[in-house]
Amino acid sequence: MSAKDHFIIIGNGPAGNNAAEVLRENDKKARISIISTESFSFYYRHRLKDFISGRIPAEDLVVKHYSEYKDKNIRLRLGQFVEKIDPEKKILYLKHMEKINYTKLIIATGGSPRILPSLTIFQDYLTMFSTYSDTVGLRHRIEKAKEIVVLGGDLTSFSFVKSLVKACKKVSFLLFNDAFWPISLTSEMILKIEENLKSHNVATFFNDSVEMIKKSKSKYTIETKQNNKIKSDIIISLMGMIPNIRFILGSSIDTDRGVLVDAYLRTNFKDIYAAGDCAQIYNPILKNYWVSIGWMNAEEQGKIAALNLLGDSKIIEPPKEEIFEYEGIKVNTSWWKKF
């Protein structure tokens, strides 16, 4: 590698940051840039639930301060939107149509909140969050709210409810178990989760669904198919994430749910890699592509993508089984599980 190289990472999460660290450790001369749509430095996304509920300050979210990038000669460009990629000419086009040339690229853009098709008609009434920017205004709304409804369809929804209870909020929880992400809940799991939530005075609706949502002034009313009426100041929808790949579409980079990569995390273009929640990795044993989840998985993928970008030939191995535990209920969330 030489000082003429410009390695660009799109995304400022665990995959992108670990990739940048590995690149700088192994190449002291190359230009390294991280481009992020967010305006906040690298932070613990899984702590957002505690920040929103007022249990921790913004400072406790930070993983790495801006000065640390400068110290390692890594350029961090926050609040920048990549509009499209020209992989043939190796050019990125930013939202304000600035052109940036790269020699090698890692896509680590993570995911955005998923909304179920059945809830799309109520989208204007639903609040979703996945970034720090999402949570700044929401924190104030939750502080003022007395009654909160959570529409739960992922693992985060459980821990978020727990944070709201600790913040002394009146919480109602509707479980969308048929759409749960990234695993399938068994009837035994559902029963135990419901019992636990009820023990914390959470109103549960586990065999019901949304029929109608109405708004009167600042109050919402959810009408369910079983004729329940639930009042709320805010309706939070947590249904998992979908990979952030819209800007890639039409670029000739192969995509499905995420960016399709081989076991080396390489796309169909030899100088473009993908890692983290946006990457769909080919598993030669299963002969299929799978999106991984989790901070540690993202970090490992960022490392492997960076090493291979530098000329190595490391294969990403299925990580050790991750176990999600909620109040004594253990759920296998290994990355190869279909969701």
Protein backbone atom coordinates (compact mmCIF):
# COMPACT_ATOMS: atom_id res chain seq x y z
CA MET A 1 0.00 0.00 0.00
CA SER A 2 1.09 3.61 -0.49
CA ALA A 3 0.25 7.14 0.56
CA LYS A 4 -1.76 7.41 -2.66
CA ASP A 5 -4.31 4.90 -1.36
CA HIS A 6 -7.58 6.24 -0.06
CA PHE A 7 -9.57 3.73 1.97
CA ILE A 8 -13.14 4.82 2.62
CA ILE A 9 -15.53 3.30 5.13
CA ILE A 10 -19.21 4.20 4.89
CA GLY A 11 -20.67 3.88 8.38
CA ASN A 12 -19.50 4.80 11.87
CA GLY A 13 -20.66 1.79 13.90
CA PRO A 14 -18.67 -1.10 15.38
CA ALA A 15 -17.88 -2.68 11.99
CA GLY A 16 -16.70 0.57 10.42
CA ASN A 17 -14.66 1.71 13.41
CA ASN A 18 -12.94 -1.61 13.91
CA ALA A 19 -12.14 -1.71 10.20
CA ALA A 20 -10.57 1.75 10.43
CA GLU A 21 -8.46 0.74 13.46
CA VAL A 22 -7.17 -2.38 11.68
CA LEU A 23 -6.41 -0.45 8.49
CA ARG A 24 -4.42 2.21 10.34
CA GLU A 25 -2.58 -0.36 12.44
CA ASN A 26 -1.41 -2.15 9.32
CA ASP A 27 -0.95 0.82 6.99
CA LYS A 28 0.52 4.01 8.43
CA LYS A 29 0.56 5.96 5.15
CA ALA A 30 -2.80 5.49 3.44
CA ARG A 31 -5.59 8.04 3.70
CA ILE A 32 -8.49 6.64 5.71
CA SER A 33 -11.92 8.29 5.79
CA ILE A 34 -15.09 7.34 7.63
CA ILE A 35 -18.28 8.82 6.21
CA SER A 36 -21.35 8.80 8.44
CA THR A 37 -24.87 10.19 8.07
CA GLU A 38 -24.95 10.74 11.83
CA SER A 39 -23.76 13.92 13.51
CA PHE A 40 -22.71 12.17 16.71
CA SER A 41 -19.41 10.35 17.19
CA PHE A 42 -19.14 6.56 17.60
CA TYR A 43 -21.52 5.45 20.35
CA TYR A 44 -23.12 2.40 21.98
CA ARG A 45 -26.38 2.03 20.09
CA HIS A 46 -27.69 -0.59 22.53
CA ARG A 47 -27.55 2.04 25.30
CA LEU A 48 -29.99 4.35 23.49
CA LYS A 49 -32.93 2.78 25.35
CA ASP A 50 -31.43 3.92 28.66
CA PHE A 51 -30.64 7.37 27.26
CA ILE A 52 -34.21 7.81 25.96
CA SER A 53 -35.72 6.82 29.29
CA GLY A 54 -33.50 9.34 31.07
CA ARG A 55 -31.42 6.78 32.94
CA ILE A 56 -28.04 7.81 31.47
CA PRO A 57 -26.64 11.08 30.02
CA ALA A 58 -25.43 11.45 26.43
CA GLU A 59 -21.79 11.24 27.58
CA ASP A 60 -22.32 7.62 28.60
CA LEU A 61 -23.16 6.71 25.01
CA VAL A 62 -19.79 7.71 23.58
CA VAL A 63 -17.30 5.01 22.59
CA LYS A 64 -14.78 7.24 20.85
CA HIS A 65 -14.38 11.01 20.82
CA TYR A 66 -13.61 13.01 17.70
CA SER A 67 -10.06 13.80 18.88
CA GLU A 68 -9.17 10.09 18.84
CA TYR A 69 -9.72 9.94 15.08
CA LYS A 70 -7.49 12.97 14.59
CA ASP A 71 -4.76 11.40 16.71
CA LYS A 72 -4.70 8.38 14.37
CA ASN A 73 -4.98 10.45 11.20
CA ILE A 74 -8.40 9.04 10.35
CA ARG A 75 -10.73 11.57 8.78
CA LEU A 76 -14.22 11.43 10.25
CA ARG A 77 -16.92 13.07 8.13
CA LEU A 78 -20.13 13.31 10.14
CA GLY A 79 -23.51 14.36 8.78
CA GLN A 80 -22.56 13.30 5.25
CA PHE A 81 -24.91 11.32 2.99
CA VAL A 82 -23.62 9.03 0.25
CA GLU A 83 -26.13 9.27 -2.60
CA LYS A 84 -24.62 6.71 -4.95
CA ILE A 85 -21.53 4.68 -5.78
CA ASP A 86 -19.85 4.30 -9.16
CA PRO A 87 -17.85 1.10 -8.60
CA GLU A 88 -16.33 1.15 -12.08
CA LYS A 89 -14.81 4.63 -11.66
CA LYS A 90 -14.37 4.21 -7.88
CA ILE A 91 -16.28 7.39 -7.06
CA LEU A 92 -18.69 8.18 -4.24
CA TYR A 93 -21.28 10.90 -4.77
CA LEU A 94 -22.38 12.70 -1.62
CA LYS A 95 -25.79 14.32 -1.18
CA HIS A 96 -24.54 17.77 -2.13
CA MET A 97 -22.95 16.07 -5.19
CA GLU A 98 -19.37 16.22 -3.97
CA LYS A 99 -17.32 13.51 -5.66
CA ILE A 100 -14.86 11.47 -3.61
CA ASN A 101 -12.40 9.04 -5.18
CA TYR A 102 -11.41 5.88 -3.36
CA THR A 103 -9.05 3.01 -4.01
CA LYS A 104 -10.84 0.51 -1.77
CA LEU A 105 -14.18 0.70 0.01
CA ILE A 106 -15.90 -0.92 3.00
CA ILE A 107 -19.68 -0.58 3.31
CA ALA A 108 -20.72 -0.76 6.96
CA THR A 109 -23.94 1.24 6.99
CA GLY A 110 -25.88 -0.87 9.51
CA GLY A 111 -29.66 -0.88 9.45
CA SER A 112 -32.81 1.23 9.79
CA PRO A 113 -35.99 0.45 11.73
CA ARG A 114 -38.29 -2.04 10.04
CA ILE A 115 -42.01 -1.37 9.78
CA LEU A 116 -44.42 -4.22 9.20
CA PRO A 117 -46.66 -4.01 6.10
CA SER A 118 -49.73 -4.29 8.34
CA LEU A 119 -48.63 -1.17 10.23
CA THR A 120 -47.68 0.99 7.25
CA ILE A 121 -51.06 2.75 7.16
CA PHE A 122 -50.45 3.90 10.75
CA GLN A 123 -46.85 4.99 10.13
CA ASP A 124 -47.53 8.66 10.95
CA TYR A 125 -48.63 7.63 14.44
CA LEU A 126 -45.64 5.40 15.18
CA THR A 127 -42.30 6.42 16.66
CA MET A 128 -39.20 4.42 15.79
CA PHE A 129 -35.58 4.93 16.73
CA SER A 130 -32.20 3.52 15.87
CA THR A 131 -29.81 6.49 16.02
CA TYR A 132 -28.83 9.16 18.50
CA SER A 133 -30.50 11.81 16.35
CA ASP A 134 -33.78 9.88 16.58
CA THR A 135 -33.64 9.91 20.36
CA VAL A 136 -32.87 13.56 21.17
CA GLY A 137 -36.45 14.80 20.73
CA LEU A 138 -37.93 11.48 21.83
CA ARG A 139 -36.21 11.68 25.20
CA HIS A 140 -38.12 14.88 26.01
CA ARG A 141 -41.43 13.37 24.86
CA ILE A 142 -40.93 10.29 27.01
CA GLU A 143 -39.99 12.43 30.00
CA LYS A 144 -43.40 14.13 29.76
CA ALA A 145 -45.38 10.98 28.85
CA LYS A 146 -47.35 9.07 31.45
CA GLU A 147 -48.64 6.21 29.28
CA ILE A 148 -46.51 4.51 26.62
CA VAL A 149 -47.37 1.67 24.24
CA VAL A 150 -44.61 -0.51 22.79
CA LEU A 151 -45.29 -2.59 19.69
CA GLY A 152 -42.70 -5.31 20.10
CA GLY A 153 -41.24 -7.46 17.37
CA ASP A 154 -37.57 -7.77 18.31
CA LEU A 155 -35.27 -8.41 21.28
CA THR A 156 -34.71 -4.69 21.85
CA SER A 157 -38.39 -4.18 22.64
CA PHE A 158 -38.10 -6.28 25.80
CA SER A 159 -35.13 -4.36 27.20
CA PHE A 160 -36.73 -1.04 26.23
CA VAL A 161 -39.89 -1.89 28.18
CA LYS A 162 -37.70 -2.72 31.15
CA SER A 163 -36.05 0.72 30.94
CA LEU A 164 -39.46 2.44 30.78
CA VAL A 165 -40.67 0.55 33.84
CA LYS A 166 -37.59 1.66 35.76
CA ALA A 167 -38.39 5.21 34.69
CA CYS A 168 -41.82 4.79 36.36
CA LYS A 169 -43.88 4.87 33.17
CA LYS A 170 -47.21 3.11 32.67
CA VAL A 171 -46.41 0.67 29.86
CA SER A 172 -48.56 -1.46 27.57
CA PHE A 173 -46.88 -4.06 25.36
CA LEU A 174 -48.28 -5.63 22.18
CA LEU A 175 -46.20 -8.60 21.03
CA PHE A 176 -45.99 -9.30 17.30
CA ASN A 177 -44.67 -12.82 17.76
CA ASP A 178 -45.34 -13.86 14.14
CA ALA A 179 -42.98 -11.13 12.98
CA PHE A 180 -40.44 -11.41 15.79
CA TRP A 181 -36.84 -10.72 14.76
CA PRO A 182 -34.32 -12.31 14.54
CA ILE A 183 -35.64 -15.57 16.01
CA SER A 184 -38.95 -17.38 16.40
CA LEU A 185 -40.46 -17.40 19.86
CA THR A 186 -41.93 -20.64 21.12
CA SER A 187 -45.24 -20.70 22.98
CA GLU A 188 -43.32 -21.50 26.17
CA MET A 189 -41.08 -18.44 25.71
CA ILE A 190 -44.09 -16.22 25.05
CA LEU A 191 -45.84 -17.43 28.19
CA LYS A 192 -42.80 -16.83 30.39
CA ILE A 193 -42.17 -13.39 28.91
CA GLU A 194 -45.80 -12.41 29.44
CA GLU A 195 -45.72 -13.60 33.06
CA ASN A 196 -42.58 -11.62 33.71
CA LEU A 197 -43.89 -8.42 32.15
CA LYS A 198 -47.10 -8.68 34.15
CA SER A 199 -45.06 -9.06 37.33
CA HIS A 200 -43.62 -5.62 36.54
CA ASN A 201 -47.13 -4.18 36.06
CA VAL A 202 -46.85 -4.05 32.27
CA ALA A 203 -50.20 -4.48 30.50
CA THR A 204 -49.65 -7.23 27.92
CA PHE A 205 -51.49 -8.03 24.69
CA PHE A 206 -49.86 -11.14 23.29
CA ASN A 207 -52.59 -12.69 21.17
CA ASP A 208 -54.01 -9.54 19.68
CA SER A 209 -53.21 -7.13 16.86
CA VAL A 210 -53.75 -3.51 15.87
CA GLU A 211 -57.03 -2.83 14.08
CA MET A 212 -57.07 0.98 14.20
CA ILE A 213 -55.09 3.87 15.66
CA LYS A 214 -56.79 7.19 16.34
CA LYS A 215 -55.34 10.47 17.55
CA SER A 216 -57.16 13.16 19.48
CA LYS A 217 -55.01 16.19 20.28
CA SER A 218 -51.86 14.68 21.80
CA LYS A 219 -53.39 11.35 22.86
CA TYR A 220 -53.50 8.10 20.87
CA THR A 221 -56.01 5.28 21.11
CA ILE A 222 -55.17 1.83 19.75
CA GLU A 223 -58.17 -0.35 18.94
CA THR A 224 -57.32 -4.04 18.65
CA LYS A 225 -58.99 -6.95 16.89
CA GLN A 226 -60.07 -8.29 20.27
CA ASN A 227 -61.85 -5.01 21.01
CA ASN A 228 -59.28 -3.68 23.45
CA LYS A 229 -58.77 0.07 23.59
CA ILE A 230 -55.35 1.22 24.74
CA LYS A 231 -54.61 4.86 25.53
CA SER A 232 -51.11 6.24 25.05
CA ASP A 233 -49.07 9.42 24.86
CA ILE A 234 -46.53 7.75 22.53
CA ILE A 235 -46.57 4.58 20.43
CA ILE A 236 -43.09 3.07 19.99
CA SER A 237 -42.60 0.45 17.26
CA LEU A 238 -39.58 -1.86 17.59
CA MET A 239 -39.61 -4.50 14.85
CA GLY A 240 -35.95 -5.11 14.10
CA MET A 241 -33.80 -3.53 11.42
CA ILE A 242 -33.42 -3.65 7.66
CA PRO A 243 -30.00 -3.06 6.03
CA ASN A 244 -29.27 0.51 4.86
CA ILE A 245 -28.56 -0.19 1.21
CA ARG A 246 -30.89 2.08 -0.75
CA PHE A 247 -28.01 4.26 -1.96
CA ILE A 248 -26.37 1.16 -3.49
CA LEU A 249 -29.31 0.16 -5.65
CA GLY A 250 -28.58 0.63 -9.35
CA SER A 251 -24.81 0.62 -8.81
CA SER A 252 -24.27 -2.97 -10.09
CA ILE A 253 -23.20 -4.06 -6.59
CA ASP A 254 -25.13 -7.24 -5.88
CA THR A 255 -27.77 -6.89 -3.16
CA ASP A 256 -30.69 -8.81 -1.70
CA ARG A 257 -31.81 -7.91 1.82
CA GLY A 258 -28.31 -6.59 2.34
CA VAL A 259 -25.07 -6.29 0.39
CA LEU A 260 -24.18 -9.76 -0.92
CA VAL A 261 -20.64 -10.79 0.01
CA ASP A 262 -18.63 -13.99 -0.06
CA ALA A 263 -16.93 -15.61 2.93
CA TYR A 264 -14.12 -13.04 2.56
CA LEU A 265 -16.71 -10.23 2.89
CA ARG A 266 -15.98 -9.20 -0.68
CA THR A 267 -18.73 -7.99 -2.99
CA ASN A 268 -18.88 -8.72 -6.71
CA PHE A 269 -16.37 -5.87 -7.09
CA LYS A 270 -12.91 -6.89 -5.90
CA ASP A 271 -12.14 -3.61 -4.12
CA ILE A 272 -15.47 -3.27 -2.31
CA TYR A 273 -16.26 -5.08 0.94
CA ALA A 274 -19.22 -5.02 3.32
CA ALA A 275 -19.45 -5.75 7.04
CA GLY A 276 -21.92 -5.60 9.92
CA ASP A 277 -25.70 -5.50 9.84
CA CYS A 278 -25.83 -4.43 6.18
CA ALA A 279 -23.85 -7.44 4.91
CA GLN A 280 -25.41 -10.66 3.68
CA ILE A 281 -22.65 -13.23 4.01
CA TYR A 282 -22.48 -16.41 2.00
CA ASN A 283 -22.26 -19.51 4.17
CA PRO A 284 -20.74 -22.36 2.12
CA ILE A 285 -22.12 -25.00 4.47
CA LEU A 286 -25.71 -23.74 4.29
CA LYS A 287 -25.23 -22.62 0.66
CA ASN A 288 -27.18 -19.46 1.41
CA TYR A 289 -26.74 -15.81 2.43
CA TRP A 290 -27.44 -14.62 5.98
CA VAL A 291 -27.44 -11.26 7.74
CA SER A 292 -25.61 -11.34 11.06
CA ILE A 293 -26.55 -9.35 14.14
CA GLY A 294 -24.77 -8.09 17.23
CA TRP A 295 -21.95 -5.76 18.20
CA MET A 296 -19.26 -8.45 18.49
CA ASN A 297 -20.14 -9.96 15.13
CA ALA A 298 -19.92 -6.51 13.52
CA GLU A 299 -16.51 -5.84 15.08
CA GLU A 300 -15.15 -9.18 13.85
CA GLN A 301 -16.48 -8.57 10.36
CA GLY A 302 -14.95 -5.09 10.28
CA LYS A 303 -11.60 -6.61 11.19
CA ILE A 304 -11.81 -9.37 8.54
CA ALA A 305 -12.96 -6.94 5.83
CA ALA A 306 -10.04 -4.60 6.59
CA LEU A 307 -7.44 -7.37 6.58
CA ASN A 308 -8.71 -8.77 3.29
CA LEU A 309 -8.84 -5.29 1.78
CA LEU A 310 -5.12 -5.08 2.63
CA GLY A 311 -4.42 -8.33 0.78
CA ASP A 312 -5.11 -11.09 3.32
CA SER A 313 -7.41 -14.04 2.64
CA LYS A 314 -9.26 -14.57 5.87
CA ILE A 315 -12.63 -16.29 5.88
CA ILE A 316 -15.30 -15.10 8.28
CA GLU A 317 -16.24 -18.02 10.48
CA PRO A 318 -19.68 -18.40 12.05
CA PRO A 319 -19.24 -16.82 15.52
CA LYS A 320 -19.86 -18.67 18.72
CA GLU A 321 -23.49 -19.05 19.62
CA GLU A 322 -24.87 -15.92 21.18
CA ILE A 323 -27.50 -16.42 23.85
CA PHE A 324 -30.05 -13.72 24.54
CA GLU A 325 -31.40 -14.03 28.04
CA TYR A 326 -34.50 -12.19 29.20
CA GLU A 327 -35.40 -12.80 32.84
CA GLY A 328 -34.28 -16.42 32.73
CA ILE A 329 -35.50 -17.14 29.18
CA LYS A 330 -32.58 -18.07 26.96
CA VAL A 331 -32.88 -17.62 23.22
CA ASN A 332 -30.29 -18.73 20.67
CA THR A 333 -29.50 -15.81 18.36
CA SER A 334 -26.64 -17.33 16.36
CA TRP A 335 -26.02 -15.44 13.15
CA TRP A 336 -26.90 -18.37 10.90
CA LYS A 337 -30.44 -18.55 12.25
CA LYS A 338 -32.99 -17.58 9.63
CA PHE A 339 -35.13 -14.57 10.50
